[in-house]
């Protein structure tokens, strides 16, 4: 994750997700982000590659907590997407849609989503942003990790 100048992370609290549903959730999110990247590329926006990295509390238990980390520029490029809040709203909608496609959590309460942005191109802000993200990641112990194939449209 250190290779991305702008790192995005989404902490999701998923009530009622089972360990068996986790791989399906990963696949649905991967497919949706891949489709978003392809659409962005077709519209002429740059789409640098990304790998989705996941940190889950292990086992998920009654309330699964997961941190998704990815290259922010894949879905929100600073030169082409203003304001960036709209891009993050798109990602939150994408994540909520992915959750709704998983049978185990479809009828439960909606997930909570907390967004972290670590912009290393603005050093004055990056340290505080990274500290918040690090604290969040460390709170997910014991943890399981996973990563996707590279998304590169």
N, C-alpha and C. Protein backbone atom coordinates (compact mmCIF):
# COMPACT_ATOMS: atom_id res chain seq x y z
N UNK A 1 0.81 -1.20 0.00
CA UNK A 1 0.00 0.00 0.00
C UNK A 1 0.85 1.26 0.00
N UNK A 2 2.14 1.11 0.26
CA UNK A 2 3.00 2.28 0.27
C UNK A 2 3.28 2.82 -1.13
N UNK A 3 2.98 2.05 -2.17
CA UNK A 3 3.27 2.52 -3.52
C UNK A 3 2.24 3.51 -4.04
N UNK A 4 1.13 3.69 -3.35
CA UNK A 4 0.09 4.60 -3.83
C UNK A 4 0.24 5.97 -3.18
N UNK A 5 0.41 7.03 -3.99
CA UNK A 5 0.53 8.36 -3.39
C UNK A 5 -0.76 8.81 -2.69
N UNK A 6 -1.90 8.33 -3.19
CA UNK A 6 -3.19 8.63 -2.57
C UNK A 6 -3.86 7.29 -2.25
N UNK A 7 -3.87 6.96 -0.98
CA UNK A 7 -4.43 5.70 -0.52
C UNK A 7 -5.83 5.94 0.02
N UNK A 8 -6.76 5.10 -0.39
CA UNK A 8 -8.13 5.17 0.14
C UNK A 8 -8.39 3.91 0.94
N UNK A 9 -9.10 4.06 2.03
CA UNK A 9 -9.46 2.90 2.85
C UNK A 9 -10.90 3.09 3.32
N UNK A 10 -11.61 1.98 3.37
CA UNK A 10 -13.00 1.97 3.79
C UNK A 10 -13.15 0.94 4.89
N UNK A 11 -13.53 1.38 6.08
CA UNK A 11 -13.82 0.47 7.18
C UNK A 11 -15.31 0.17 7.13
N UNK A 12 -15.64 -1.10 6.96
CA UNK A 12 -17.03 -1.52 6.89
C UNK A 12 -17.36 -2.35 8.12
N UNK A 13 -18.48 -2.05 8.73
CA UNK A 13 -19.00 -2.86 9.81
C UNK A 13 -20.22 -3.57 9.25
N UNK A 14 -20.11 -4.90 9.15
CA UNK A 14 -21.12 -5.71 8.47
C UNK A 14 -21.83 -6.62 9.46
N UNK A 15 -22.98 -6.21 9.95
CA UNK A 15 -23.71 -7.06 10.88
C UNK A 15 -24.17 -8.35 10.19
N UNK A 16 -23.95 -9.46 10.84
CA UNK A 16 -24.51 -10.72 10.37
C UNK A 16 -23.78 -11.42 9.24
N UNK A 17 -22.57 -10.99 8.87
CA UNK A 17 -21.87 -11.69 7.78
C UNK A 17 -21.22 -12.96 8.32
N UNK A 18 -21.30 -14.01 7.56
CA UNK A 18 -20.70 -15.29 7.96
C UNK A 18 -19.33 -15.44 7.31
N UNK A 19 -18.46 -16.26 7.90
CA UNK A 19 -17.15 -16.49 7.28
C UNK A 19 -17.26 -17.02 5.85
N UNK A 20 -18.31 -17.79 5.59
CA UNK A 20 -18.49 -18.36 4.25
C UNK A 20 -18.83 -17.29 3.21
N UNK A 21 -19.41 -16.18 3.64
CA UNK A 21 -19.81 -15.11 2.72
C UNK A 21 -18.65 -14.18 2.36
N UNK A 22 -17.58 -14.23 3.12
CA UNK A 22 -16.47 -13.30 2.92
C UNK A 22 -15.86 -13.41 1.51
N UNK A 23 -15.49 -14.61 1.03
CA UNK A 23 -14.92 -14.68 -0.33
C UNK A 23 -15.88 -14.17 -1.41
N UNK A 24 -17.16 -14.44 -1.26
CA UNK A 24 -18.14 -13.95 -2.23
C UNK A 24 -18.18 -12.42 -2.20
N UNK A 25 -18.14 -11.83 -1.03
CA UNK A 25 -18.12 -10.38 -0.90
C UNK A 25 -16.89 -9.80 -1.60
N UNK A 26 -15.72 -10.41 -1.38
CA UNK A 26 -14.49 -9.95 -2.05
C UNK A 26 -14.68 -9.96 -3.57
N UNK A 27 -15.22 -11.05 -4.09
CA UNK A 27 -15.40 -11.19 -5.54
C UNK A 27 -16.37 -10.15 -6.10
N UNK A 28 -17.47 -9.90 -5.40
CA UNK A 28 -18.45 -8.92 -5.86
C UNK A 28 -17.83 -7.52 -5.88
N UNK A 29 -17.11 -7.16 -4.83
CA UNK A 29 -16.47 -5.84 -4.78
C UNK A 29 -15.42 -5.72 -5.89
N UNK A 30 -14.62 -6.77 -6.08
CA UNK A 30 -13.60 -6.77 -7.13
C UNK A 30 -14.24 -6.52 -8.50
N UNK A 31 -15.30 -7.26 -8.80
CA UNK A 31 -15.97 -7.11 -10.10
C UNK A 31 -16.53 -5.70 -10.27
N UNK A 32 -17.13 -5.15 -9.24
CA UNK A 32 -17.72 -3.82 -9.35
C UNK A 32 -16.65 -2.74 -9.53
N UNK A 33 -15.54 -2.86 -8.83
CA UNK A 33 -14.47 -1.87 -8.98
C UNK A 33 -13.83 -2.02 -10.36
N UNK A 34 -13.68 -3.25 -10.83
CA UNK A 34 -13.14 -3.47 -12.18
C UNK A 34 -14.04 -2.82 -13.23
N UNK A 35 -15.36 -2.98 -13.08
CA UNK A 35 -16.31 -2.36 -14.02
C UNK A 35 -16.25 -0.83 -13.93
N UNK A 36 -16.14 -0.29 -12.73
CA UNK A 36 -16.01 1.16 -12.56
C UNK A 36 -14.74 1.66 -13.25
N UNK A 37 -13.63 0.95 -13.08
CA UNK A 37 -12.37 1.35 -13.71
C UNK A 37 -12.49 1.32 -15.24
N UNK A 38 -13.14 0.29 -15.78
CA UNK A 38 -13.31 0.20 -17.23
C UNK A 38 -14.17 1.35 -17.75
N UNK A 39 -15.23 1.68 -17.03
CA UNK A 39 -16.10 2.79 -17.42
C UNK A 39 -15.34 4.11 -17.40
N UNK A 40 -14.54 4.30 -16.36
CA UNK A 40 -13.75 5.53 -16.26
C UNK A 40 -12.76 5.62 -17.41
N UNK A 41 -12.14 4.50 -17.75
CA UNK A 41 -11.17 4.51 -18.84
C UNK A 41 -11.85 4.83 -20.17
N UNK A 42 -13.01 4.26 -20.41
CA UNK A 42 -13.75 4.54 -21.64
C UNK A 42 -14.14 6.02 -21.75
N UNK A 43 -14.32 6.69 -20.62
CA UNK A 43 -14.69 8.11 -20.65
C UNK A 43 -13.46 9.01 -20.75
N UNK A 44 -12.27 8.42 -20.88
CA UNK A 44 -11.06 9.20 -21.07
C UNK A 44 -10.32 9.59 -19.81
N UNK A 45 -10.74 9.06 -18.67
CA UNK A 45 -10.05 9.38 -17.42
C UNK A 45 -8.92 8.37 -17.21
N UNK A 46 -7.80 8.82 -16.64
CA UNK A 46 -6.73 7.87 -16.34
C UNK A 46 -7.16 6.93 -15.22
N UNK A 47 -6.78 5.67 -15.35
CA UNK A 47 -7.14 4.66 -14.34
C UNK A 47 -5.88 3.85 -14.01
N UNK A 48 -5.08 4.32 -13.06
CA UNK A 48 -3.91 3.54 -12.69
C UNK A 48 -4.33 2.23 -12.03
N UNK A 49 -3.49 1.20 -12.12
CA UNK A 49 -3.85 -0.09 -11.54
C UNK A 49 -3.93 -0.04 -10.02
N UNK A 50 -4.64 -1.03 -9.48
CA UNK A 50 -4.72 -1.17 -8.03
C UNK A 50 -4.87 -2.64 -7.68
N UNK A 51 -4.54 -2.94 -6.46
CA UNK A 51 -4.80 -4.24 -5.86
C UNK A 51 -5.66 -3.96 -4.64
N UNK A 52 -6.74 -4.72 -4.48
CA UNK A 52 -7.57 -4.56 -3.30
C UNK A 52 -6.94 -5.35 -2.16
N UNK A 53 -6.74 -4.69 -1.05
CA UNK A 53 -6.20 -5.37 0.13
C UNK A 53 -7.26 -5.31 1.22
N UNK A 54 -7.43 -6.45 1.90
CA UNK A 54 -8.49 -6.59 2.90
C UNK A 54 -7.86 -6.97 4.23
N UNK A 55 -8.35 -6.37 5.30
CA UNK A 55 -8.00 -6.78 6.66
C UNK A 55 -9.33 -7.01 7.38
N UNK A 56 -9.56 -8.25 7.82
CA UNK A 56 -10.79 -8.63 8.52
C UNK A 56 -10.49 -8.96 9.96
N UNK A 57 -11.44 -8.65 10.84
CA UNK A 57 -11.36 -9.24 12.17
C UNK A 57 -11.59 -10.73 11.96
N UNK A 58 -10.88 -11.54 12.69
CA UNK A 58 -10.98 -12.98 12.46
C UNK A 58 -11.28 -13.70 13.76
N UNK A 59 -12.32 -14.52 13.78
CA UNK A 59 -13.34 -14.70 12.74
C UNK A 59 -14.31 -13.52 12.74
N UNK A 60 -15.11 -13.35 11.65
CA UNK A 60 -15.99 -12.19 11.57
C UNK A 60 -16.97 -12.07 12.73
N UNK A 61 -17.48 -13.17 13.26
CA UNK A 61 -18.40 -13.09 14.40
C UNK A 61 -19.74 -12.49 14.01
N UNK A 62 -20.48 -12.01 15.02
CA UNK A 62 -21.80 -11.45 14.75
C UNK A 62 -21.72 -10.15 13.96
N UNK A 63 -20.67 -9.40 14.17
CA UNK A 63 -20.46 -8.18 13.41
C UNK A 63 -19.08 -8.24 12.79
N UNK A 64 -19.04 -8.39 11.47
CA UNK A 64 -17.76 -8.42 10.77
C UNK A 64 -17.25 -7.01 10.55
N UNK A 65 -15.98 -6.80 10.84
CA UNK A 65 -15.35 -5.52 10.55
C UNK A 65 -14.24 -5.78 9.55
N UNK A 66 -14.25 -5.00 8.48
CA UNK A 66 -13.26 -5.19 7.43
C UNK A 66 -12.74 -3.84 6.96
N UNK A 67 -11.46 -3.80 6.66
CA UNK A 67 -10.84 -2.61 6.13
C UNK A 67 -10.39 -2.93 4.70
N UNK A 68 -10.91 -2.18 3.74
CA UNK A 68 -10.54 -2.32 2.34
C UNK A 68 -9.60 -1.18 1.99
N UNK A 69 -8.42 -1.52 1.44
CA UNK A 69 -7.44 -0.51 1.04
C UNK A 69 -7.20 -0.61 -0.46
N UNK A 70 -7.12 0.55 -1.13
CA UNK A 70 -6.86 0.56 -2.56
C UNK A 70 -6.31 1.91 -3.00
N UNK A 71 -5.86 1.96 -4.25
CA UNK A 71 -5.34 3.17 -4.85
C UNK A 71 -6.50 4.13 -5.13
N UNK A 72 -6.49 5.29 -4.48
CA UNK A 72 -7.57 6.25 -4.67
C UNK A 72 -7.65 6.71 -6.12
N UNK A 73 -6.52 6.82 -6.80
CA UNK A 73 -6.53 7.33 -8.17
C UNK A 73 -7.25 6.40 -9.14
N UNK A 74 -7.50 5.16 -8.76
CA UNK A 74 -8.24 4.24 -9.62
C UNK A 74 -9.69 4.68 -9.78
N UNK A 75 -10.25 5.29 -8.74
CA UNK A 75 -11.65 5.72 -8.82
C UNK A 75 -11.84 7.23 -8.68
N UNK A 76 -10.76 7.95 -8.38
CA UNK A 76 -10.89 9.40 -8.19
C UNK A 76 -9.54 10.07 -8.46
N UNK A 77 -9.37 10.57 -9.67
CA UNK A 77 -8.11 11.20 -10.04
C UNK A 77 -8.18 12.70 -9.76
N UNK A 78 -7.17 13.26 -9.09
CA UNK A 78 -7.26 14.66 -8.67
C UNK A 78 -7.40 15.67 -9.82
N UNK A 79 -6.90 15.34 -11.00
CA UNK A 79 -7.03 16.28 -12.12
C UNK A 79 -8.35 16.18 -12.85
N UNK A 80 -9.05 15.07 -12.69
CA UNK A 80 -10.24 14.83 -13.50
C UNK A 80 -11.54 14.75 -12.70
N UNK A 81 -11.44 14.62 -11.41
CA UNK A 81 -12.63 14.41 -10.59
C UNK A 81 -12.73 15.47 -9.50
N UNK A 82 -13.62 16.41 -9.72
CA UNK A 82 -13.88 17.46 -8.74
C UNK A 82 -15.37 17.53 -8.48
N UNK A 83 -15.81 17.60 -7.28
CA UNK A 83 -15.06 17.43 -6.04
C UNK A 83 -14.83 15.95 -5.76
N UNK A 84 -13.77 15.61 -5.03
CA UNK A 84 -13.49 14.20 -4.76
C UNK A 84 -14.56 13.53 -3.90
N UNK A 85 -15.31 14.30 -3.14
CA UNK A 85 -16.36 13.70 -2.30
C UNK A 85 -17.35 12.89 -3.14
N UNK A 86 -17.62 13.34 -4.35
CA UNK A 86 -18.54 12.62 -5.22
C UNK A 86 -18.00 11.22 -5.56
N UNK A 87 -16.69 11.12 -5.77
CA UNK A 87 -16.07 9.82 -6.05
C UNK A 87 -16.22 8.88 -4.85
N UNK A 88 -16.02 9.42 -3.66
CA UNK A 88 -16.12 8.59 -2.47
C UNK A 88 -17.56 8.16 -2.23
N UNK A 89 -18.51 9.02 -2.57
CA UNK A 89 -19.92 8.62 -2.48
C UNK A 89 -20.21 7.48 -3.44
N UNK A 90 -19.61 7.53 -4.64
CA UNK A 90 -19.77 6.45 -5.61
C UNK A 90 -19.22 5.14 -5.04
N UNK A 91 -18.06 5.21 -4.41
CA UNK A 91 -17.47 4.00 -3.82
C UNK A 91 -18.33 3.46 -2.68
N UNK A 92 -18.86 4.34 -1.85
CA UNK A 92 -19.72 3.88 -0.76
C UNK A 92 -20.97 3.21 -1.31
N UNK A 93 -21.54 3.77 -2.36
CA UNK A 93 -22.71 3.15 -3.00
C UNK A 93 -22.34 1.79 -3.57
N UNK A 94 -21.20 1.71 -4.21
CA UNK A 94 -20.72 0.44 -4.76
C UNK A 94 -20.58 -0.61 -3.66
N UNK A 95 -20.00 -0.22 -2.53
CA UNK A 95 -19.83 -1.16 -1.41
C UNK A 95 -21.17 -1.59 -0.82
N UNK A 96 -22.09 -0.65 -0.69
CA UNK A 96 -23.42 -1.01 -0.18
C UNK A 96 -24.13 -1.97 -1.14
N UNK A 97 -23.98 -1.74 -2.45
CA UNK A 97 -24.57 -2.64 -3.44
C UNK A 97 -23.96 -4.04 -3.33
N UNK A 98 -22.65 -4.10 -3.14
CA UNK A 98 -21.99 -5.39 -3.01
C UNK A 98 -22.51 -6.14 -1.78
N UNK A 99 -22.69 -5.42 -0.70
CA UNK A 99 -23.19 -6.04 0.53
C UNK A 99 -24.61 -6.56 0.32
N UNK A 100 -25.42 -5.81 -0.41
CA UNK A 100 -26.81 -6.23 -0.62
C UNK A 100 -26.90 -7.49 -1.47
N UNK A 101 -25.84 -7.82 -2.20
CA UNK A 101 -25.85 -9.02 -3.05
C UNK A 101 -25.45 -10.28 -2.31
N UNK A 102 -25.10 -10.13 -1.05
CA UNK A 102 -24.70 -11.29 -0.25
C UNK A 102 -25.89 -11.73 0.58
N UNK A 103 -26.34 -12.93 0.33
CA UNK A 103 -27.56 -13.44 0.98
C UNK A 103 -27.52 -13.34 2.49
N UNK A 104 -26.38 -13.59 3.09
CA UNK A 104 -26.29 -13.64 4.55
C UNK A 104 -26.57 -12.30 5.22
N UNK A 105 -26.35 -11.20 4.51
CA UNK A 105 -26.53 -9.89 5.15
C UNK A 105 -27.64 -9.07 4.50
N UNK A 106 -28.32 -9.61 3.52
CA UNK A 106 -29.31 -8.84 2.77
C UNK A 106 -30.39 -8.25 3.66
N UNK A 107 -30.85 -9.00 4.64
CA UNK A 107 -32.00 -8.55 5.44
C UNK A 107 -31.59 -7.93 6.77
N UNK A 108 -30.33 -7.69 6.96
CA UNK A 108 -29.87 -7.08 8.20
C UNK A 108 -29.77 -5.57 8.03
N UNK A 109 -29.39 -4.93 9.11
CA UNK A 109 -29.24 -3.47 9.06
C UNK A 109 -28.12 -3.10 8.10
N UNK A 110 -28.17 -1.89 7.54
CA UNK A 110 -27.15 -1.49 6.58
C UNK A 110 -25.79 -1.37 7.25
N UNK A 111 -24.73 -1.50 6.47
CA UNK A 111 -23.39 -1.43 7.05
C UNK A 111 -23.03 0.01 7.41
N UNK A 112 -22.13 0.11 8.36
CA UNK A 112 -21.51 1.41 8.65
C UNK A 112 -20.25 1.48 7.80
N UNK A 113 -19.99 2.63 7.20
CA UNK A 113 -18.79 2.80 6.39
C UNK A 113 -18.06 4.05 6.86
N UNK A 114 -16.78 3.87 7.22
CA UNK A 114 -15.92 4.98 7.59
C UNK A 114 -14.84 5.09 6.53
N UNK A 115 -14.60 6.30 6.04
CA UNK A 115 -13.65 6.52 4.96
C UNK A 115 -12.36 7.12 5.51
N UNK A 116 -11.23 6.60 5.02
CA UNK A 116 -9.91 7.14 5.34
C UNK A 116 -9.24 7.52 4.02
N UNK A 117 -8.65 8.71 4.00
CA UNK A 117 -7.89 9.15 2.82
C UNK A 117 -6.49 9.53 3.30
N UNK A 118 -5.49 8.90 2.73
CA UNK A 118 -4.11 9.23 3.06
C UNK A 118 -3.48 9.78 1.78
N UNK A 119 -3.33 11.09 1.73
CA UNK A 119 -2.79 11.75 0.55
C UNK A 119 -1.34 12.13 0.81
N UNK A 120 -0.42 11.30 0.33
CA UNK A 120 1.00 11.55 0.56
C UNK A 120 1.54 12.70 -0.28
N UNK A 121 0.75 13.20 -1.22
CA UNK A 121 1.18 14.36 -2.00
C UNK A 121 1.02 15.65 -1.21
N UNK A 122 0.36 15.57 -0.06
CA UNK A 122 0.21 16.71 0.85
C UNK A 122 0.82 16.28 2.20
N UNK A 123 2.16 16.37 2.31
CA UNK A 123 2.84 15.85 3.50
C UNK A 123 2.32 16.39 4.83
N UNK A 124 1.88 17.64 4.85
CA UNK A 124 1.40 18.23 6.11
C UNK A 124 0.20 17.48 6.67
N UNK A 125 -0.60 16.87 5.80
CA UNK A 125 -1.79 16.14 6.24
C UNK A 125 -1.57 14.63 6.32
N UNK A 126 -0.63 14.13 5.55
CA UNK A 126 -0.47 12.68 5.40
C UNK A 126 -0.17 11.96 6.71
N UNK A 127 0.67 12.54 7.56
CA UNK A 127 1.03 11.86 8.81
C UNK A 127 -0.18 11.64 9.71
N UNK A 128 -1.00 12.65 9.87
CA UNK A 128 -2.19 12.51 10.72
C UNK A 128 -3.18 11.53 10.10
N UNK A 129 -3.34 11.60 8.78
CA UNK A 129 -4.25 10.67 8.10
C UNK A 129 -3.77 9.23 8.26
N UNK A 130 -2.47 9.04 8.08
CA UNK A 130 -1.90 7.70 8.19
C UNK A 130 -2.02 7.17 9.62
N UNK A 131 -1.82 8.02 10.59
CA UNK A 131 -1.93 7.60 12.00
C UNK A 131 -3.34 7.10 12.31
N UNK A 132 -4.35 7.82 11.82
CA UNK A 132 -5.75 7.38 12.03
C UNK A 132 -5.99 6.02 11.37
N UNK A 133 -5.50 5.86 10.15
CA UNK A 133 -5.68 4.60 9.43
C UNK A 133 -4.94 3.46 10.14
N UNK A 134 -3.73 3.71 10.57
CA UNK A 134 -2.94 2.69 11.26
C UNK A 134 -3.64 2.25 12.55
N UNK A 135 -4.13 3.21 13.31
CA UNK A 135 -4.86 2.90 14.55
C UNK A 135 -6.07 2.02 14.25
N UNK A 136 -6.78 2.35 13.19
CA UNK A 136 -7.95 1.55 12.80
C UNK A 136 -7.53 0.13 12.44
N UNK A 137 -6.49 0.00 11.62
CA UNK A 137 -6.03 -1.33 11.20
C UNK A 137 -5.60 -2.17 12.40
N UNK A 138 -4.91 -1.56 13.35
CA UNK A 138 -4.45 -2.29 14.53
C UNK A 138 -5.61 -2.71 15.43
N UNK A 139 -6.74 -2.02 15.33
CA UNK A 139 -7.90 -2.38 16.15
C UNK A 139 -8.60 -3.65 15.64
N UNK A 140 -8.21 -4.13 14.48
CA UNK A 140 -8.86 -5.29 13.88
C UNK A 140 -8.16 -6.60 14.25
N UNK A 141 -7.65 -6.70 15.46
CA UNK A 141 -6.96 -7.92 15.85
C UNK A 141 -7.88 -8.82 16.65
N UNK A 142 -7.76 -10.13 16.56
CA UNK A 142 -6.91 -10.83 15.59
C UNK A 142 -7.46 -10.61 14.19
N UNK A 143 -6.56 -10.65 13.21
CA UNK A 143 -6.96 -10.29 11.85
C UNK A 143 -6.60 -11.37 10.84
N UNK A 144 -7.36 -11.36 9.76
CA UNK A 144 -7.05 -12.17 8.58
C UNK A 144 -6.88 -11.18 7.44
N UNK A 145 -6.01 -11.50 6.49
CA UNK A 145 -5.79 -10.60 5.37
C UNK A 145 -6.03 -11.33 4.05
N UNK A 146 -6.31 -10.55 3.03
CA UNK A 146 -6.48 -11.10 1.68
C UNK A 146 -6.14 -9.99 0.70
N UNK A 147 -5.86 -10.39 -0.53
CA UNK A 147 -5.64 -9.40 -1.59
C UNK A 147 -6.19 -9.94 -2.88
N UNK A 148 -6.57 -9.02 -3.75
CA UNK A 148 -7.16 -9.39 -5.03
C UNK A 148 -6.09 -9.47 -6.11
N UNK A 149 -6.52 -9.92 -7.26
CA UNK A 149 -5.70 -9.77 -8.45
C UNK A 149 -5.64 -8.28 -8.77
N UNK A 150 -4.68 -7.91 -9.56
CA UNK A 150 -4.53 -6.51 -9.96
C UNK A 150 -5.68 -6.08 -10.87
N UNK A 151 -6.23 -4.91 -10.60
CA UNK A 151 -7.25 -4.32 -11.46
C UNK A 151 -6.53 -3.33 -12.36
N UNK A 152 -6.53 -3.61 -13.64
CA UNK A 152 -5.85 -2.76 -14.61
C UNK A 152 -6.62 -2.85 -15.92
N UNK A 153 -7.55 -1.91 -16.15
CA UNK A 153 -8.40 -2.02 -17.34
C UNK A 153 -7.63 -1.89 -18.64
